[in-house]
Amino acid sequence: MAYTMDSTLGELIADARVRPILDQYVPGASTNPQLAMFKGVSLRMIVSNPMAAQFGITEDKVKAFLAEVNKLG
């Protein structure tokens, strides 16, 4: 299954292969205790939040992340 902008954080972190890649793009994200609040939120919803850019989370960055995780097969 390929991950998309409509994939949720919960789907992504459920895949142990994805967690280290997530941490490369957003250091400490996979172990952040607040992540549980956002498990049902899609990447599209995260990027559309104006505050995301303040944390360096842009659509281009998320697309690069998705390209990398989708290489996992």
PDB file of N, CA and C in Angstrom:
ATOM      1  N   MET A   1       0.839  -1.183   0.000  1.00  0.00           N
ATOM      2  CA  MET A   1       0.000   0.000   0.000  1.00  0.00           C
ATOM      3  C   MET A   1       0.886   1.250   0.000  1.00  0.00           C
ATOM      4  N   ALA A   2       0.637   2.126  -0.898  1.00  0.00           N
ATOM      5  CA  ALA A   2       1.389   3.380  -0.963  1.00  0.00           C
ATOM      6  C   ALA A   2       0.764   4.397  -0.009  1.00  0.00           C
ATOM      7  N   TYR A   3       1.619   5.130   0.644  1.00  0.00           N
ATOM      8  CA  TYR A   3       1.163   6.212   1.512  1.00  0.00           C
ATOM      9  C   TYR A   3       0.929   7.461   0.660  1.00  0.00           C
ATOM     10  N   THR A   4      -0.066   8.251   1.063  1.00  0.00           N
ATOM     11  CA  THR A   4      -0.432   9.458   0.325  1.00  0.00           C
ATOM     12  C   THR A   4      -0.636  10.610   1.304  1.00  0.00           C
ATOM     13  N   MET A   5      -0.976  11.761   0.748  1.00  0.00           N
ATOM     14  CA  MET A   5      -1.296  12.922   1.589  1.00  0.00           C
ATOM     15  C   MET A   5      -2.527  12.642   2.459  1.00  0.00           C
ATOM     16  N   ASP A   6      -3.324  11.650   2.085  1.00  0.00           N
ATOM     17  CA  ASP A   6      -4.514  11.312   2.860  1.00  0.00           C
ATOM     18  C   ASP A   6      -4.245  10.252   3.931  1.00  0.00           C
ATOM     19  N   SER A   7      -3.020   9.754   3.985  1.00  0.00           N
ATOM     20  CA  SER A   7      -2.652   8.808   5.038  1.00  0.00           C
ATOM     21  C   SER A   7      -2.592   9.543   6.371  1.00  0.00           C
ATOM     22  N   THR A   8      -2.955   8.829   7.421  1.00  0.00           N
ATOM     23  CA  THR A   8      -2.928   9.440   8.753  1.00  0.00           C
ATOM     24  C   THR A   8      -1.582   9.171   9.427  1.00  0.00           C
ATOM     25  N   LEU A   9      -1.295   9.985  10.419  1.00  0.00           N
ATOM     26  CA  LEU A   9      -0.079   9.760  11.194  1.00  0.00           C
ATOM     27  C   LEU A   9      -0.116   8.389  11.856  1.00  0.00           C
ATOM     28  N   GLY A  10      -1.286   7.972  12.288  1.00  0.00           N
ATOM     29  CA  GLY A  10      -1.423   6.660  12.916  1.00  0.00           C
ATOM     30  C   GLY A  10      -1.036   5.538  11.974  1.00  0.00           C
ATOM     31  N   GLU A  11      -1.450   5.632  10.716  1.00  0.00           N
ATOM     32  CA  GLU A  11      -1.082   4.620   9.719  1.00  0.00           C
ATOM     33  C   GLU A  11       0.426   4.599   9.507  1.00  0.00           C
ATOM     34  N   LEU A  12       1.006   5.766   9.452  1.00  0.00           N
ATOM     35  CA  LEU A  12       2.437   5.872   9.194  1.00  0.00           C
ATOM     36  C   LEU A  12       3.267   5.319  10.345  1.00  0.00           C
ATOM     37  N   ILE A  13       2.945   5.714  11.570  1.00  0.00           N
ATOM     38  CA  ILE A  13       3.780   5.266  12.688  1.00  0.00           C
ATOM     39  C   ILE A  13       3.508   3.814  13.061  1.00  0.00           C
ATOM     40  N   ALA A  14       2.421   3.246  12.564  1.00  0.00           N
ATOM     41  CA  ALA A  14       2.173   1.821  12.787  1.00  0.00           C
ATOM     42  C   ALA A  14       3.177   0.966  12.014  1.00  0.00           C
ATOM     43  N   ASP A  15       3.760   1.541  10.980  1.00  0.00           N
ATOM     44  CA  ASP A  15       4.761   0.851  10.167  1.00  0.00           C
ATOM     45  C   ASP A  15       6.139   1.166  10.749  1.00  0.00           C
ATOM     46  N   ALA A  16       6.743   0.194  11.399  1.00  0.00           N
ATOM     47  CA  ALA A  16       8.029   0.405  12.074  1.00  0.00           C
ATOM     48  C   ALA A  16       9.113   0.889  11.116  1.00  0.00           C
ATOM     49  N   ARG A  17       9.000   0.566   9.833  1.00  0.00           N
ATOM     50  CA  ARG A  17      10.005   1.000   8.854  1.00  0.00           C
ATOM     51  C   ARG A  17       9.909   2.492   8.579  1.00  0.00           C
ATOM     52  N   VAL A  18       8.744   3.073   8.826  1.00  0.00           N
ATOM     53  CA  VAL A  18       8.513   4.485   8.521  1.00  0.00           C
ATOM     54  C   VAL A  18       9.005   5.395   9.647  1.00  0.00           C
ATOM     55  N   ARG A  19       8.955   4.924  10.880  1.00  0.00           N
ATOM     56  CA  ARG A  19       9.296   5.768  12.031  1.00  0.00           C
ATOM     57  C   ARG A  19      10.677   6.427  11.932  1.00  0.00           C
ATOM     58  N   PRO A  20      11.739   5.691  11.569  1.00  0.00           N
ATOM     59  CA  PRO A  20      13.040   6.362  11.474  1.00  0.00           C
ATOM     60  C   PRO A  20      13.079   7.436  10.382  1.00  0.00           C
ATOM     61  N   ILE A  21      12.340   7.208   9.313  1.00  0.00           N
ATOM     62  CA  ILE A  21      12.297   8.199   8.233  1.00  0.00           C
ATOM     63  C   ILE A  21      11.540   9.437   8.697  1.00  0.00           C
ATOM     64  N   LEU A  22      10.451   9.229   9.428  1.00  0.00           N
ATOM     65  CA  LEU A  22       9.703  10.353   9.981  1.00  0.00           C
ATOM     66  C   LEU A  22      10.616  11.192  10.873  1.00  0.00           C
ATOM     67  N   ASP A  23      11.424  10.518  11.677  1.00  0.00           N
ATOM     68  CA  ASP A  23      12.331  11.243  12.571  1.00  0.00           C
ATOM     69  C   ASP A  23      13.429  11.993  11.817  1.00  0.00           C
ATOM     70  N   GLN A  24      13.770  11.549  10.629  1.00  0.00           N
ATOM     71  CA  GLN A  24      14.736  12.292   9.815  1.00  0.00           C
ATOM     72  C   GLN A  24      14.141  13.624   9.368  1.00  0.00           C
ATOM     73  N   TYR A  25      12.854  13.602   9.048  1.00  0.00           N
ATOM     74  CA  TYR A  25      12.189  14.813   8.555  1.00  0.00           C
ATOM     75  C   TYR A  25      11.705  15.712   9.688  1.00  0.00           C
ATOM     76  N   VAL A  26      11.256  15.103  10.783  1.00  0.00           N
ATOM     77  CA  VAL A  26      10.800  15.855  11.954  1.00  0.00           C
ATOM     78  C   VAL A  26      11.422  15.171  13.179  1.00  0.00           C
ATOM     79  N   PRO A  27      12.615  15.595  13.570  1.00  0.00           N
ATOM     80  CA  PRO A  27      13.337  14.928  14.663  1.00  0.00           C
ATOM     81  C   PRO A  27      12.486  14.758  15.926  1.00  0.00           C
ATOM     82  N   GLY A  28      12.478  13.515  16.413  1.00  0.00           N
ATOM     83  CA  GLY A  28      11.758  13.194  17.640  1.00  0.00           C
ATOM     84  C   GLY A  28      10.263  12.981  17.471  1.00  0.00           C
ATOM     85  N   ALA A  29       9.755  13.083  16.271  1.00  0.00           N
ATOM     86  CA  ALA A  29       8.306  12.999  16.050  1.00  0.00           C
ATOM     87  C   ALA A  29       7.725  11.651  16.466  1.00  0.00           C
ATOM     88  N   SER A  30       8.404  10.574  16.136  1.00  0.00           N
ATOM     89  CA  SER A  30       7.818   9.248  16.384  1.00  0.00           C
ATOM     90  C   SER A  30       7.734   8.900  17.861  1.00  0.00           C
ATOM     91  N   THR A  31       8.487   9.584  18.703  1.00  0.00           N
ATOM     92  CA  THR A  31       8.462   9.301  20.144  1.00  0.00           C
ATOM     93  C   THR A  31       7.818  10.418  20.952  1.00  0.00           C
ATOM     94  N   ASN A  32       7.335  11.446  20.275  1.00  0.00           N
ATOM     95  CA  ASN A  32       6.709  12.569  20.958  1.00  0.00           C
ATOM     96  C   ASN A  32       5.391  12.105  21.580  1.00  0.00           C
ATOM     97  N   PRO A  33       5.203  12.281  22.895  1.00  0.00           N
ATOM     98  CA  PRO A  33       3.975  11.823  23.543  1.00  0.00           C
ATOM     99  C   PRO A  33       2.713  12.519  23.012  1.00  0.00           C
ATOM    100  N   GLN A  34       2.856  13.693  22.438  1.00  0.00           N
ATOM    101  CA  GLN A  34       1.693  14.406  21.902  1.00  0.00           C
ATOM    102  C   GLN A  34       1.223  13.822  20.563  1.00  0.00           C
ATOM    103  N   LEU A  35       2.015  12.955  19.975  1.00  0.00           N
ATOM    104  CA  LEU A  35       1.664  12.358  18.693  1.00  0.00           C
ATOM    105  C   LEU A  35       0.332  11.602  18.770  1.00  0.00           C
ATOM    106  N   ALA A  36       0.030  11.036  19.914  1.00  0.00           N
ATOM    107  CA  ALA A  36      -1.208  10.275  20.079  1.00  0.00           C
ATOM    108  C   ALA A  36      -2.448  11.115  19.761  1.00  0.00           C
ATOM    109  N   MET A  37      -2.367  12.406  20.009  1.00  0.00           N
ATOM    110  CA  MET A  37      -3.511  13.291  19.732  1.00  0.00           C
ATOM    111  C   MET A  37      -3.749  13.458  18.234  1.00  0.00           C
ATOM    112  N   PHE A  38      -2.738  13.177  17.428  1.00  0.00           N
ATOM    113  CA  PHE A  38      -2.818  13.440  16.000  1.00  0.00           C
ATOM    114  C   PHE A  38      -2.841  12.174  15.146  1.00  0.00           C
ATOM    115  N   LYS A  39      -3.001  11.015  15.752  1.00  0.00           N
ATOM    116  CA  LYS A  39      -2.965   9.756  15.004  1.00  0.00           C
ATOM    117  C   LYS A  39      -4.025   9.685  13.914  1.00  0.00           C
ATOM    118  N   GLY A  40      -5.164  10.298  14.116  1.00  0.00           N
ATOM    119  CA  GLY A  40      -6.240  10.246  13.137  1.00  0.00           C
ATOM    120  C   GLY A  40      -6.194  11.363  12.106  1.00  0.00           C
ATOM    121  N   VAL A  41      -5.161  12.190  12.167  1.00  0.00           N
ATOM    122  CA  VAL A  41      -5.060  13.352  11.283  1.00  0.00           C
ATOM    123  C   VAL A  41      -4.243  12.991  10.043  1.00  0.00           C
ATOM    124  N   SER A  42      -4.762  13.363   8.884  1.00  0.00           N
ATOM    125  CA  SER A  42      -4.051  13.075   7.636  1.00  0.00           C
ATOM    126  C   SER A  42      -2.914  14.066   7.428  1.00  0.00           C
ATOM    127  N   LEU A  43      -1.962  13.664   6.600  1.00  0.00           N
ATOM    128  CA  LEU A  43      -0.856  14.561   6.268  1.00  0.00           C
ATOM    129  C   LEU A  43      -1.384  15.809   5.572  1.00  0.00           C
ATOM    130  N   ARG A  44      -2.408  15.656   4.764  1.00  0.00           N
ATOM    131  CA  ARG A  44      -3.009  16.802   4.066  1.00  0.00           C
ATOM    132  C   ARG A  44      -3.543  17.827   5.070  1.00  0.00           C
ATOM    133  N   MET A  45      -4.198  17.337   6.122  1.00  0.00           N
ATOM    134  CA  MET A  45      -4.746  18.236   7.137  1.00  0.00           C
ATOM    135  C   MET A  45      -3.631  18.933   7.909  1.00  0.00           C
ATOM    136  N   ILE A  46      -2.561  18.207   8.159  1.00  0.00           N
ATOM    137  CA  ILE A  46      -1.437  18.794   8.889  1.00  0.00           C
ATOM    138  C   ILE A  46      -0.822  19.926   8.075  1.00  0.00           C
ATOM    139  N   VAL A  47      -0.565  19.660   6.806  1.00  0.00           N
ATOM    140  CA  VAL A  47       0.066  20.663   5.938  1.00  0.00           C
ATOM    141  C   VAL A  47      -0.831  21.885   5.765  1.00  0.00           C
ATOM    142  N   SER A  48      -2.129  21.682   5.777  1.00  0.00           N
ATOM    143  CA  SER A  48      -3.041  22.810   5.571  1.00  0.00           C
ATOM    144  C   SER A  48      -3.140  23.716   6.793  1.00  0.00           C
ATOM    145  N   ASN A  49      -2.643  23.251   7.928  1.00  0.00           N
ATOM    146  CA  ASN A  49      -2.655  24.059   9.137  1.00  0.00           C
ATOM    147  C   ASN A  49      -1.576  25.136   9.024  1.00  0.00           C
ATOM    148  N   PRO A  50      -1.937  26.395   9.204  1.00  0.00           N
ATOM    149  CA  PRO A  50      -0.950  27.475   9.084  1.00  0.00           C
ATOM    150  C   PRO A  50       0.246  27.338  10.034  1.00  0.00           C
ATOM    151  N   MET A  51       0.049  26.684  11.157  1.00  0.00           N
ATOM    152  CA  MET A  51       1.141  26.532  12.116  1.00  0.00           C
ATOM    153  C   MET A  51       2.171  25.503  11.671  1.00  0.00           C
ATOM    154  N   ALA A  52       1.825  24.633  10.745  1.00  0.00           N
ATOM    155  CA  ALA A  52       2.750  23.588  10.301  1.00  0.00           C
ATOM    156  C   ALA A  52       4.042  24.181   9.752  1.00  0.00           C
ATOM    157  N   ALA A  53       3.917  25.241   8.976  1.00  0.00           N
ATOM    158  CA  ALA A  53       5.100  25.869   8.380  1.00  0.00           C
ATOM    159  C   ALA A  53       6.049  26.400   9.455  1.00  0.00           C
ATOM    160  N   GLN A  54       5.499  26.818  10.587  1.00  0.00           N
ATOM    161  CA  GLN A  54       6.342  27.308  11.685  1.00  0.00           C
ATOM    162  C   GLN A  54       7.250  26.204  12.224  1.00  0.00           C
ATOM    163  N   PHE A  55       6.802  24.964  12.049  1.00  0.00           N
ATOM    164  CA  PHE A  55       7.581  23.813  12.508  1.00  0.00           C
ATOM    165  C   PHE A  55       8.348  23.162  11.362  1.00  0.00           C
ATOM    166  N   GLY A  56       8.379  23.839  10.215  1.00  0.00           N
ATOM    167  CA  GLY A  56       9.123  23.328   9.065  1.00  0.00           C
ATOM    168  C   GLY A  56       8.416  22.235   8.298  1.00  0.00           C
ATOM    169  N   ILE A  57       7.121  22.087   8.541  1.00  0.00           N
ATOM    170  CA  ILE A  57       6.354  21.046   7.856  1.00  0.00           C
ATOM    171  C   ILE A  57       5.630  21.693   6.683  1.00  0.00           C
ATOM    172  N   THR A  58       6.200  21.498   5.511  1.00  0.00           N
ATOM    173  CA  THR A  58       5.632  22.073   4.292  1.00  0.00           C
ATOM    174  C   THR A  58       5.145  20.959   3.380  1.00  0.00           C
ATOM    175  N   GLU A  59       4.344  21.327   2.392  1.00  0.00           N
ATOM    176  CA  GLU A  59       3.850  20.324   1.449  1.00  0.00           C
ATOM    177  C   GLU A  59       5.010  19.665   0.704  1.00  0.00           C
ATOM    178  N   ASP A  60       5.999  20.444   0.307  1.00  0.00           N
ATOM    179  CA  ASP A  60       7.159  19.876  -0.396  1.00  0.00           C
ATOM    180  C   ASP A  60       7.914  18.877   0.488  1.00  0.00           C
ATOM    181  N   LYS A  61       8.060  19.213   1.754  1.00  0.00           N
ATOM    182  CA  LYS A  61       8.760  18.326   2.678  1.00  0.00           C
ATOM    183  C   LYS A  61       7.974  17.027   2.878  1.00  0.00           C
ATOM    184  N   VAL A  62       6.656  17.141   2.993  1.00  0.00           N
ATOM    185  CA  VAL A  62       5.819  15.959   3.175  1.00  0.00           C
ATOM    186  C   VAL A  62       5.848  15.090   1.920  1.00  0.00           C
ATOM    187  N   LYS A  63       5.843  15.705   0.758  1.00  0.00           N
ATOM    188  CA  LYS A  63       5.912  14.930  -0.490  1.00  0.00           C
ATOM    189  C   LYS A  63       7.255  14.213  -0.609  1.00  0.00           C
ATOM    190  N   ALA A  64       8.329  14.851  -0.189  1.00  0.00           N
ATOM    191  CA  ALA A  64       9.645  14.197  -0.204  1.00  0.00           C
ATOM    192  C   ALA A  64       9.650  13.013   0.769  1.00  0.00           C
ATOM    193  N   PHE A  65       9.057  13.214   1.939  1.00  0.00           N
ATOM    194  CA  PHE A  65       8.934  12.150   2.935  1.00  0.00           C
ATOM    195  C   PHE A  65       8.151  10.981   2.347  1.00  0.00           C
ATOM    196  N   LEU A  66       7.020  11.259   1.714  1.00  0.00           N
ATOM    197  CA  LEU A  66       6.190  10.208   1.123  1.00  0.00           C
ATOM    198  C   LEU A  66       6.945   9.456   0.037  1.00  0.00           C
ATOM    199  N   ALA A  67       7.688  10.167  -0.780  1.00  0.00           N
ATOM    200  CA  ALA A  67       8.469   9.507  -1.839  1.00  0.00           C
ATOM    201  C   ALA A  67       9.464   8.526  -1.224  1.00  0.00           C
ATOM    202  N   GLU A  68      10.072   8.943  -0.139  1.00  0.00           N
ATOM    203  CA  GLU A  68      11.053   8.075   0.516  1.00  0.00           C
ATOM    204  C   GLU A  68      10.405   6.848   1.152  1.00  0.00           C
ATOM    205  N   VAL A  69       9.303   7.035   1.868  1.00  0.00           N
ATOM    206  CA  VAL A  69       8.677   5.884   2.514  1.00  0.00           C
ATOM    207  C   VAL A  69       8.031   4.941   1.505  1.00  0.00           C
ATOM    208  N   ASN A  70       7.572   5.480   0.397  1.00  0.00           N
ATOM    209  CA  ASN A  70       6.953   4.607  -0.603  1.00  0.00           C
ATOM    210  C   ASN A  70       7.980   3.774  -1.360  1.00  0.00           C
ATOM    211  N   LYS A  71       9.258   4.103  -1.249  1.00  0.00           N
ATOM    212  CA  LYS A  71      10.316   3.268  -1.818  1.00  0.00           C
ATOM    213  C   LYS A  71      10.491   1.985  -1.026  1.00  0.00           C
ATOM    214  N   LEU A  72       9.967   1.958   0.199  1.00  0.00           N
ATOM    215  CA  LEU A  72      10.112   0.786   1.052  1.00  0.00           C
ATOM    216  C   LEU A  72       9.358  -0.420   0.495  1.00  0.00           C
ATOM    217  N   GLY A  73       8.362  -0.133  -0.327  1.00  0.00           N
ATOM    218  CA  GLY A  73       7.619  -1.229  -0.959  1.00  0.00           C
ATOM    219  C   GLY A  73       6.435  -1.712  -0.211  1.00  0.00           C
TER     220      GLY A  73
END
